């Protein structure tokens, strides 16, 4: 691959990644096994199931919920989920009156430790631009049609602060324990583009 191609910002992402790996390896800056270790770390530690556990605990434990809303990073750490890139984790509570949704308009940042790595649609310029301009219409197109009386708040991730949505607990789950609630909480609900619902019978 030519040097000019390596610098091409429009090259497919796989080609750009490969070119970066080759350049780092050629300069001796990529330790052996480093990439494999990072992939394993991402697969093991950056999982939306972590956020689902945080949400389920908040639904069941009012004291934990209060701590979570006061300091998301500290409360998540109580369950073993220490911020990898979210030193300041702000947890946004959805209510009957307010629905929160998150975005990173500059790139694709999420709170990896509780939301996981961002999905492709979250990284797309279309989502990043449209959720700011017309969040209600965008969420409707994604399958979430909110009543007009519900206010929408869009939160833009910064270099220092990450967000996670605390979705509303769905009706009909009063008798469910934490182990049953966790599978109901999706990554989309943690981002705010979906609600938590009971699975179809």
Foldseek 3Di string as FASTA:
>chain_A
DDPVQCPDPPPPPVSVVVSVVVVCVVVVNQDPCNVVVVVVCLVVQQDLLLLLLLLQCVVVPVVLVVVCQVFVQVSSVVVPQHFPQANGEHEAEDDLAEFEAEAALVAQDARRRNLGGDDPVRRDNVCSPCCVVPVQVVLVVVPDHRDPRHHYDYYHDDSHHHYWYNADDDPPCPPPHSVVRSVQDHSCVRRGSDHGDDDDD
